[in-house]
């Protein structure tokens, strides 16, 4: 007798390696738009070859689809287990298996405060070669068709601590 399991495969966190979060804002006629780029450095146990599958597994567990031109609007999905917490001087991207804290730039923070959301690009493609570099390198990676076609793209509402 054959049985088929619908349970997700085990998440191999060792293959994720180091996850990095980079923030920037893009100027538009309607004001700055805040962006987040999350990706692996490809330094996990299986190297850069194993990182895409590990990241895709992480995203799948959080209910995020990878690839295509679809941008998920999480501002209308309060049950989505992915969040962006912003407090003075710090921010954190949270989802099952991830609590990634980062220090936002003042410009990014101003854009988030104005808009109430940030656009997340969670790349399955690992960062090419070591630590992320300058803003131009981040923009080139985030806007590359190979990155976007294999990433989860989400408009994340900003949450803050309530007094």
N, C-alpha and C. Protein backbone atom coordinates (compact mmCIF):
# COMPACT_ATOMS: atom_id res chain seq x y z
N UNK A 1 0.84 -1.18 0.00
CA UNK A 1 0.00 0.00 0.00
C UNK A 1 0.89 1.24 0.00
N UNK A 2 0.52 2.21 -0.78
CA UNK A 2 1.28 3.45 -0.88
C UNK A 2 0.52 4.54 -0.17
N UNK A 3 1.25 5.33 0.61
CA UNK A 3 0.61 6.48 1.24
C UNK A 3 1.39 7.73 0.83
N UNK A 4 0.66 8.78 0.70
CA UNK A 4 1.26 10.05 0.30
C UNK A 4 1.09 11.04 1.44
N UNK A 5 2.18 11.63 1.85
CA UNK A 5 2.13 12.61 2.92
C UNK A 5 1.97 14.01 2.32
N UNK A 6 1.07 14.77 2.90
CA UNK A 6 0.92 16.16 2.47
C UNK A 6 1.64 17.11 3.42
N UNK A 7 2.32 16.54 4.42
CA UNK A 7 3.08 17.38 5.34
C UNK A 7 4.25 18.01 4.60
N UNK A 8 4.58 19.25 4.95
CA UNK A 8 5.72 19.88 4.29
C UNK A 8 7.01 19.15 4.65
N UNK A 9 7.97 19.24 3.74
CA UNK A 9 9.28 18.65 4.03
C UNK A 9 9.90 19.37 5.21
N UNK A 10 10.77 18.68 5.95
CA UNK A 10 11.44 19.34 7.06
C UNK A 10 12.24 20.54 6.56
N UNK A 11 12.22 21.60 7.31
CA UNK A 11 12.97 22.79 6.95
C UNK A 11 14.42 22.60 7.38
N UNK A 12 15.34 22.67 6.45
CA UNK A 12 16.76 22.52 6.76
C UNK A 12 17.34 23.91 7.01
N UNK A 13 17.22 24.34 8.27
CA UNK A 13 17.70 25.68 8.60
C UNK A 13 19.20 25.82 8.41
N UNK A 14 19.94 24.71 8.50
CA UNK A 14 21.38 24.77 8.29
C UNK A 14 21.71 25.22 6.87
N UNK A 15 20.82 24.91 5.92
CA UNK A 15 21.06 25.31 4.53
C UNK A 15 20.72 26.78 4.27
N UNK A 16 19.95 27.40 5.18
CA UNK A 16 19.62 28.81 5.00
C UNK A 16 20.86 29.68 5.09
N UNK A 17 21.73 29.35 6.02
CA UNK A 17 22.90 30.18 6.25
C UNK A 17 22.49 31.49 6.90
N UNK A 18 23.26 32.51 6.68
CA UNK A 18 23.00 33.83 7.24
C UNK A 18 21.95 34.54 6.40
N UNK A 19 20.88 34.99 7.06
CA UNK A 19 19.87 35.80 6.38
C UNK A 19 20.17 37.26 6.66
N UNK A 20 20.14 38.08 5.63
CA UNK A 20 20.38 39.51 5.79
C UNK A 20 19.16 40.29 5.33
N UNK A 21 18.95 41.43 5.97
CA UNK A 21 17.86 42.34 5.64
C UNK A 21 18.49 43.68 5.27
N UNK A 22 18.10 44.20 4.13
CA UNK A 22 18.58 45.51 3.70
C UNK A 22 17.38 46.40 3.41
N UNK A 23 17.43 47.63 3.84
CA UNK A 23 16.30 48.53 3.61
C UNK A 23 16.76 49.74 2.81
N UNK A 24 15.85 50.23 2.00
CA UNK A 24 16.08 51.45 1.23
C UNK A 24 14.73 52.01 0.84
N UNK A 25 14.73 53.23 0.36
CA UNK A 25 13.48 53.82 -0.15
C UNK A 25 13.75 54.36 -1.54
N UNK A 26 12.70 54.31 -2.33
CA UNK A 26 12.78 54.78 -3.72
C UNK A 26 11.89 56.01 -3.85
N UNK A 27 12.45 57.05 -4.43
CA UNK A 27 11.71 58.29 -4.62
C UNK A 27 10.72 58.14 -5.77
N UNK A 28 9.48 58.56 -5.53
CA UNK A 28 8.45 58.59 -6.56
C UNK A 28 7.77 59.95 -6.50
N UNK A 29 6.99 60.31 -7.51
CA UNK A 29 6.27 61.59 -7.46
C UNK A 29 5.33 61.69 -6.25
N UNK A 30 4.86 60.55 -5.76
CA UNK A 30 3.95 60.54 -4.61
C UNK A 30 4.69 60.39 -3.28
N UNK A 31 6.01 60.53 -3.28
CA UNK A 31 6.80 60.38 -2.06
C UNK A 31 7.61 59.10 -2.09
N UNK A 32 8.45 58.94 -1.09
CA UNK A 32 9.32 57.77 -1.02
C UNK A 32 8.53 56.50 -0.72
N UNK A 33 8.95 55.39 -1.33
CA UNK A 33 8.37 54.07 -1.08
C UNK A 33 9.44 53.24 -0.38
N UNK A 34 9.12 52.69 0.81
CA UNK A 34 10.11 51.89 1.55
C UNK A 34 10.16 50.44 1.06
N UNK A 35 11.37 49.92 0.91
CA UNK A 35 11.59 48.54 0.47
C UNK A 35 12.46 47.80 1.48
N UNK A 36 12.26 46.48 1.52
CA UNK A 36 13.12 45.57 2.27
C UNK A 36 13.56 44.47 1.32
N UNK A 37 14.82 44.11 1.39
CA UNK A 37 15.33 42.96 0.67
C UNK A 37 15.84 41.98 1.71
N UNK A 38 15.32 40.76 1.68
CA UNK A 38 15.81 39.69 2.55
C UNK A 38 16.38 38.60 1.66
N UNK A 39 17.55 38.10 2.03
CA UNK A 39 18.16 37.01 1.27
C UNK A 39 19.20 36.30 2.12
N UNK A 40 19.56 35.12 1.68
CA UNK A 40 20.62 34.35 2.31
C UNK A 40 21.95 34.79 1.72
N UNK A 41 23.00 34.67 2.53
CA UNK A 41 24.34 34.91 2.00
C UNK A 41 24.87 33.67 1.29
N UNK A 42 24.12 32.56 1.35
CA UNK A 42 24.56 31.33 0.69
C UNK A 42 25.68 30.64 1.43
N UNK A 43 25.84 30.96 2.72
CA UNK A 43 26.93 30.40 3.51
C UNK A 43 26.47 29.27 4.43
N UNK A 44 25.33 28.65 4.12
CA UNK A 44 24.82 27.54 4.92
C UNK A 44 25.58 26.25 4.67
N UNK A 45 25.15 25.20 5.36
CA UNK A 45 25.83 23.90 5.29
C UNK A 45 25.93 23.37 3.87
N UNK A 46 24.92 23.58 3.06
CA UNK A 46 24.93 23.09 1.68
C UNK A 46 25.48 24.08 0.68
N UNK A 47 25.97 25.21 1.16
CA UNK A 47 26.53 26.23 0.27
C UNK A 47 25.46 26.97 -0.50
N UNK A 48 25.87 27.82 -1.44
CA UNK A 48 24.90 28.62 -2.19
C UNK A 48 23.94 27.79 -3.04
N UNK A 49 24.33 26.56 -3.37
CA UNK A 49 23.45 25.71 -4.17
C UNK A 49 22.21 25.27 -3.39
N UNK A 50 22.34 25.12 -2.07
CA UNK A 50 21.23 24.64 -1.24
C UNK A 50 20.34 25.78 -0.73
N UNK A 51 20.83 27.00 -0.77
CA UNK A 51 20.10 28.13 -0.20
C UNK A 51 18.74 28.37 -0.86
N UNK A 52 18.61 28.35 -2.19
CA UNK A 52 17.29 28.63 -2.78
C UNK A 52 16.19 27.69 -2.30
N UNK A 53 16.46 26.40 -2.22
CA UNK A 53 15.44 25.46 -1.76
C UNK A 53 15.11 25.69 -0.29
N UNK A 54 16.12 26.01 0.51
CA UNK A 54 15.89 26.26 1.93
C UNK A 54 15.03 27.51 2.13
N UNK A 55 15.34 28.57 1.40
CA UNK A 55 14.55 29.80 1.51
C UNK A 55 13.14 29.57 1.00
N UNK A 56 13.00 28.85 -0.11
CA UNK A 56 11.67 28.57 -0.63
C UNK A 56 10.84 27.78 0.38
N UNK A 57 11.45 26.84 1.08
CA UNK A 57 10.76 26.10 2.13
C UNK A 57 10.31 27.01 3.26
N UNK A 58 11.17 27.93 3.66
CA UNK A 58 10.83 28.90 4.70
C UNK A 58 9.65 29.76 4.28
N UNK A 59 9.68 30.24 3.06
CA UNK A 59 8.60 31.09 2.55
C UNK A 59 7.30 30.31 2.43
N UNK A 60 7.39 29.09 1.96
CA UNK A 60 6.20 28.24 1.82
C UNK A 60 5.51 28.02 3.16
N UNK A 61 6.30 27.79 4.20
CA UNK A 61 5.73 27.58 5.55
C UNK A 61 5.01 28.83 6.05
N UNK A 62 5.41 29.98 5.55
CA UNK A 62 4.77 31.23 5.96
C UNK A 62 3.61 31.61 5.04
N UNK A 63 3.32 30.76 4.05
CA UNK A 63 2.22 31.04 3.15
C UNK A 63 2.55 32.01 2.04
N UNK A 64 3.83 32.16 1.73
CA UNK A 64 4.25 33.10 0.69
C UNK A 64 4.63 32.35 -0.58
N UNK A 65 4.04 32.76 -1.69
CA UNK A 65 4.35 32.16 -2.98
C UNK A 65 5.62 32.80 -3.55
N UNK A 66 6.34 32.02 -4.32
CA UNK A 66 7.59 32.46 -4.91
C UNK A 66 7.42 32.56 -6.42
N UNK A 67 7.99 33.62 -6.99
CA UNK A 67 8.03 33.75 -8.44
C UNK A 67 6.82 34.45 -9.02
N UNK A 68 6.92 34.68 -10.30
CA UNK A 68 5.84 35.35 -11.01
C UNK A 68 5.84 36.84 -10.76
N UNK A 69 4.81 37.47 -11.28
CA UNK A 69 4.67 38.92 -11.13
C UNK A 69 3.73 39.30 -10.01
N UNK A 70 3.33 38.32 -9.20
CA UNK A 70 2.35 38.57 -8.16
C UNK A 70 2.99 39.23 -6.95
N UNK A 71 2.35 40.29 -6.47
CA UNK A 71 2.74 40.94 -5.23
C UNK A 71 1.59 40.72 -4.26
N UNK A 72 1.87 40.06 -3.15
CA UNK A 72 0.86 39.77 -2.15
C UNK A 72 0.63 41.00 -1.29
N UNK A 73 -0.61 41.43 -1.16
CA UNK A 73 -0.95 42.59 -0.33
C UNK A 73 -1.34 42.11 1.06
N UNK A 74 -0.37 42.07 1.96
CA UNK A 74 -0.61 41.59 3.32
C UNK A 74 -1.36 42.61 4.17
N UNK A 75 -1.58 43.81 3.65
CA UNK A 75 -2.35 44.80 4.43
C UNK A 75 -3.79 44.36 4.58
N UNK A 76 -4.26 43.44 3.72
CA UNK A 76 -5.64 42.94 3.79
C UNK A 76 -5.67 41.48 4.26
N UNK A 77 -4.55 40.99 4.77
CA UNK A 77 -4.45 39.60 5.25
C UNK A 77 -3.92 39.58 6.68
N UNK A 78 -4.75 39.95 7.66
CA UNK A 78 -4.25 40.05 9.03
C UNK A 78 -3.77 38.73 9.62
N UNK A 79 -4.21 37.59 9.08
CA UNK A 79 -3.80 36.29 9.62
C UNK A 79 -2.47 35.80 9.04
N UNK A 80 -1.92 36.50 8.06
CA UNK A 80 -0.64 36.08 7.48
C UNK A 80 0.43 36.14 8.56
N UNK A 81 1.19 35.05 8.76
CA UNK A 81 2.16 35.02 9.86
C UNK A 81 3.49 35.72 9.54
N UNK A 82 3.43 36.79 8.79
CA UNK A 82 4.61 37.57 8.44
C UNK A 82 4.35 38.99 8.90
N UNK A 83 5.29 39.56 9.63
CA UNK A 83 5.06 40.90 10.15
C UNK A 83 6.29 41.77 10.11
N UNK A 84 6.05 43.05 10.19
CA UNK A 84 7.11 44.05 10.23
C UNK A 84 6.84 44.96 11.42
N UNK A 85 7.67 44.84 12.43
CA UNK A 85 7.55 45.66 13.63
C UNK A 85 8.57 46.77 13.53
N UNK A 86 8.11 48.01 13.71
CA UNK A 86 9.00 49.17 13.65
C UNK A 86 8.86 49.97 14.94
N UNK A 87 9.99 50.21 15.59
CA UNK A 87 10.05 51.01 16.81
C UNK A 87 11.16 52.04 16.61
N UNK A 88 11.23 53.06 17.45
CA UNK A 88 12.29 54.05 17.27
C UNK A 88 13.69 53.41 17.25
N UNK A 89 14.40 53.60 16.14
CA UNK A 89 15.76 53.13 16.02
C UNK A 89 15.95 51.68 15.63
N UNK A 90 14.85 50.93 15.46
CA UNK A 90 14.99 49.51 15.12
C UNK A 90 13.74 49.01 14.40
N UNK A 91 13.90 47.88 13.74
CA UNK A 91 12.78 47.22 13.07
C UNK A 91 13.07 45.73 13.05
N UNK A 92 12.02 44.92 12.87
CA UNK A 92 12.19 43.47 12.81
C UNK A 92 11.20 42.87 11.83
N UNK A 93 11.71 41.98 11.00
CA UNK A 93 10.89 41.17 10.11
C UNK A 93 10.68 39.84 10.82
N UNK A 94 9.41 39.47 11.04
CA UNK A 94 9.12 38.23 11.74
C UNK A 94 8.24 37.34 10.88
N UNK A 95 8.53 36.05 10.94
CA UNK A 95 7.74 35.02 10.27
C UNK A 95 8.16 33.70 10.89
N UNK A 96 7.41 32.63 10.67
CA UNK A 96 7.82 31.35 11.27
C UNK A 96 9.26 31.00 10.90
N UNK A 97 10.09 30.85 11.92
CA UNK A 97 11.50 30.52 11.71
C UNK A 97 12.42 31.71 11.56
N UNK A 98 11.88 32.93 11.56
CA UNK A 98 12.71 34.13 11.36
C UNK A 98 12.29 35.24 12.32
N UNK A 99 13.27 35.84 12.97
CA UNK A 99 13.10 37.09 13.69
C UNK A 99 14.35 37.90 13.36
N UNK A 100 14.30 38.62 12.26
CA UNK A 100 15.46 39.35 11.76
C UNK A 100 15.34 40.82 12.12
N UNK A 101 16.22 41.27 13.00
CA UNK A 101 16.21 42.66 13.43
C UNK A 101 17.22 43.46 12.62
N UNK A 102 16.90 44.72 12.38
CA UNK A 102 17.81 45.58 11.64
C UNK A 102 17.61 47.02 12.07
N UNK A 103 18.59 47.85 11.77
CA UNK A 103 18.53 49.28 12.07
C UNK A 103 18.19 50.00 10.77
N UNK A 104 17.00 50.59 10.69
CA UNK A 104 16.60 51.26 9.44
C UNK A 104 17.27 52.62 9.29
N UNK A 105 17.37 53.05 8.04
CA UNK A 105 17.86 54.40 7.78
C UNK A 105 16.75 55.40 8.14
N UNK A 106 17.13 56.64 8.37
CA UNK A 106 16.13 57.66 8.69
C UNK A 106 15.16 57.87 7.53
N UNK A 107 15.68 57.85 6.32
CA UNK A 107 14.82 58.05 5.15
C UNK A 107 13.81 56.91 5.01
N UNK A 108 14.26 55.66 5.22
CA UNK A 108 13.36 54.51 5.15
C UNK A 108 12.29 54.62 6.24
N UNK A 109 12.73 54.99 7.44
CA UNK A 109 11.79 55.11 8.55
C UNK A 109 10.75 56.19 8.26
N UNK A 110 11.15 57.31 7.69
CA UNK A 110 10.21 58.37 7.34
C UNK A 110 9.21 57.88 6.30
N UNK A 111 9.68 57.12 5.32
CA UNK A 111 8.78 56.58 4.28
C UNK A 111 7.79 55.58 4.88
N UNK A 112 8.26 54.73 5.79
CA UNK A 112 7.38 53.77 6.47
C UNK A 112 6.34 54.50 7.31
N UNK A 113 6.78 55.52 8.03
CA UNK A 113 5.84 56.29 8.86
C UNK A 113 4.77 56.95 7.99
N UNK A 114 5.16 57.45 6.83
CA UNK A 114 4.22 58.12 5.94
C UNK A 114 3.25 57.13 5.30
N UNK A 115 3.73 55.99 4.85
CA UNK A 115 2.91 55.05 4.09
C UNK A 115 2.21 53.99 4.94
N UNK A 116 2.84 53.59 6.04
CA UNK A 116 2.25 52.54 6.88
C UNK A 116 2.53 51.14 6.38
N UNK A 117 3.41 51.00 5.41
CA UNK A 117 3.78 49.68 4.89
C UNK A 117 5.19 49.75 4.30
N UNK A 118 5.74 48.57 4.04
CA UNK A 118 7.00 48.44 3.29
C UNK A 118 6.83 47.32 2.29
N UNK A 119 7.53 47.41 1.19
CA UNK A 119 7.50 46.39 0.14
C UNK A 119 8.66 45.43 0.35
N UNK A 120 8.33 44.18 0.68
CA UNK A 120 9.34 43.16 0.95
C UNK A 120 9.63 42.34 -0.31
N UNK A 121 10.90 42.20 -0.61
CA UNK A 121 11.37 41.27 -1.64
C UNK A 121 12.20 40.24 -0.90
N UNK A 122 11.67 39.02 -0.76
CA UNK A 122 12.40 37.95 -0.07
C UNK A 122 12.94 37.03 -1.15
N UNK A 123 14.21 37.16 -1.43
CA UNK A 123 14.84 36.46 -2.54
C UNK A 123 15.21 35.03 -2.17
N UNK A 124 14.92 34.09 -3.06
CA UNK A 124 15.42 32.73 -2.88
C UNK A 124 16.85 32.64 -3.40
N UNK A 125 17.18 33.52 -4.29
CA UNK A 125 18.54 33.58 -4.85
C UNK A 125 19.48 34.15 -3.79
N UNK A 126 20.60 33.48 -3.50
CA UNK A 126 21.51 34.03 -2.49
C UNK A 126 22.25 35.25 -3.00
N UNK A 127 22.67 36.08 -2.05
CA UNK A 127 23.48 37.24 -2.38
C UNK A 127 24.76 36.76 -3.06
N UNK A 128 25.15 37.38 -4.17
CA UNK A 128 26.33 36.90 -4.89
C UNK A 128 27.64 37.37 -4.27
N UNK A 129 28.27 36.49 -3.53
CA UNK A 129 29.63 36.78 -3.06
C UNK A 129 29.77 37.62 -1.82
N UNK A 130 29.74 36.99 -0.67
CA UNK A 130 30.09 37.66 0.58
C UNK A 130 29.04 38.62 1.10
N UNK A 131 29.52 39.58 1.86
CA UNK A 131 28.64 40.55 2.51
C UNK A 131 28.06 41.53 1.48
N UNK A 132 26.81 41.95 1.70
CA UNK A 132 26.21 42.94 0.80
C UNK A 132 27.04 44.23 0.79
N UNK A 133 27.05 44.84 -0.36
CA UNK A 133 27.86 46.03 -0.54
C UNK A 133 27.05 47.31 -0.46
N UNK A 134 27.39 48.23 -1.31
CA UNK A 134 26.78 49.56 -1.30
C UNK A 134 25.36 49.53 -1.86
N UNK A 135 24.72 50.69 -1.79
CA UNK A 135 23.34 50.82 -2.25
C UNK A 135 23.13 50.45 -3.70
N UNK A 136 24.10 50.77 -4.55
CA UNK A 136 23.97 50.43 -5.97
C UNK A 136 23.97 48.92 -6.19
N UNK A 137 24.80 48.21 -5.43
CA UNK A 137 24.85 46.75 -5.55
C UNK A 137 23.54 46.13 -5.06
N UNK A 138 23.00 46.67 -3.97
CA UNK A 138 21.72 46.17 -3.45
C UNK A 138 20.61 46.42 -4.47
N UNK A 139 20.57 47.62 -5.04
CA UNK A 139 19.54 47.95 -6.03
C UNK A 139 19.66 47.06 -7.27
N UNK A 140 20.88 46.83 -7.71
CA UNK A 140 21.08 45.97 -8.89
C UNK A 140 20.61 44.55 -8.62
N UNK A 141 20.91 44.02 -7.44
CA UNK A 141 20.49 42.66 -7.09
C UNK A 141 18.97 42.60 -6.95
N UNK A 142 18.38 43.57 -6.24
CA UNK A 142 16.94 43.56 -5.99
C UNK A 142 16.13 43.75 -7.27
N UNK A 143 16.67 44.47 -8.24
CA UNK A 143 15.95 44.73 -9.48
C UNK A 143 16.27 43.75 -10.60
N UNK A 144 17.18 42.83 -10.35
CA UNK A 144 17.57 41.85 -11.36
C UNK A 144 16.40 40.90 -11.62
N UNK A 145 16.15 40.60 -12.88
CA UNK A 145 15.03 39.73 -13.25
C UNK A 145 15.14 38.35 -12.61
N UNK A 146 16.36 37.81 -12.50
CA UNK A 146 16.55 36.51 -11.86
C UNK A 146 16.16 36.55 -10.39
N UNK A 147 16.45 37.66 -9.73
CA UNK A 147 16.06 37.80 -8.32
C UNK A 147 14.55 37.90 -8.20
N UNK A 148 13.94 38.81 -8.96
CA UNK A 148 12.50 39.05 -8.85
C UNK A 148 11.67 37.85 -9.27
N UNK A 149 12.11 37.13 -10.29
CA UNK A 149 11.31 36.00 -10.78
C UNK A 149 11.34 34.81 -9.84
N UNK A 150 12.23 34.83 -8.86
CA UNK A 150 12.31 33.72 -7.91
C UNK A 150 12.13 34.18 -6.47
N UNK A 151 11.54 35.35 -6.29
CA UNK A 151 11.36 35.92 -4.95
C UNK A 151 9.89 35.95 -4.57
N UNK A 152 9.65 36.05 -3.27
CA UNK A 152 8.31 36.36 -2.76
C UNK A 152 8.27 37.88 -2.62
N UNK A 153 7.19 38.50 -3.11
CA UNK A 153 7.04 39.95 -3.03
C UNK A 153 5.77 40.25 -2.25
N UNK A 154 5.92 41.04 -1.18
CA UNK A 154 4.82 41.26 -0.25
C UNK A 154 4.78 42.73 0.16
N UNK A 155 3.59 43.31 0.17
CA UNK A 155 3.38 44.62 0.78
C UNK A 155 3.02 44.34 2.24
N UNK A 156 3.94 44.69 3.15
CA UNK A 156 3.76 44.38 4.57
C UNK A 156 3.30 45.60 5.35
N UNK A 157 2.20 45.47 6.10
CA UNK A 157 1.80 46.58 6.95
C UNK A 157 2.78 46.71 8.11
N UNK A 158 2.98 47.93 8.56
CA UNK A 158 3.88 48.19 9.67
C UNK A 158 3.10 48.08 10.97
N UNK A 159 3.71 47.39 11.91
CA UNK A 159 3.15 47.31 13.26
C UNK A 159 4.09 48.03 14.20
N UNK A 160 3.53 48.56 15.27
CA UNK A 160 4.36 49.22 16.26
C UNK A 160 3.88 48.80 17.64
N UNK A 161 4.71 49.05 18.64
CA UNK A 161 4.31 48.76 20.01
C UNK A 161 3.30 49.80 20.44
N UNK A 162 2.28 49.36 21.10
CA UNK A 162 1.25 50.30 21.56
C UNK A 162 1.54 50.70 23.00
N UNK A 163 1.34 51.96 23.28
CA UNK A 163 1.59 52.46 24.64
C UNK A 163 0.48 52.06 25.57
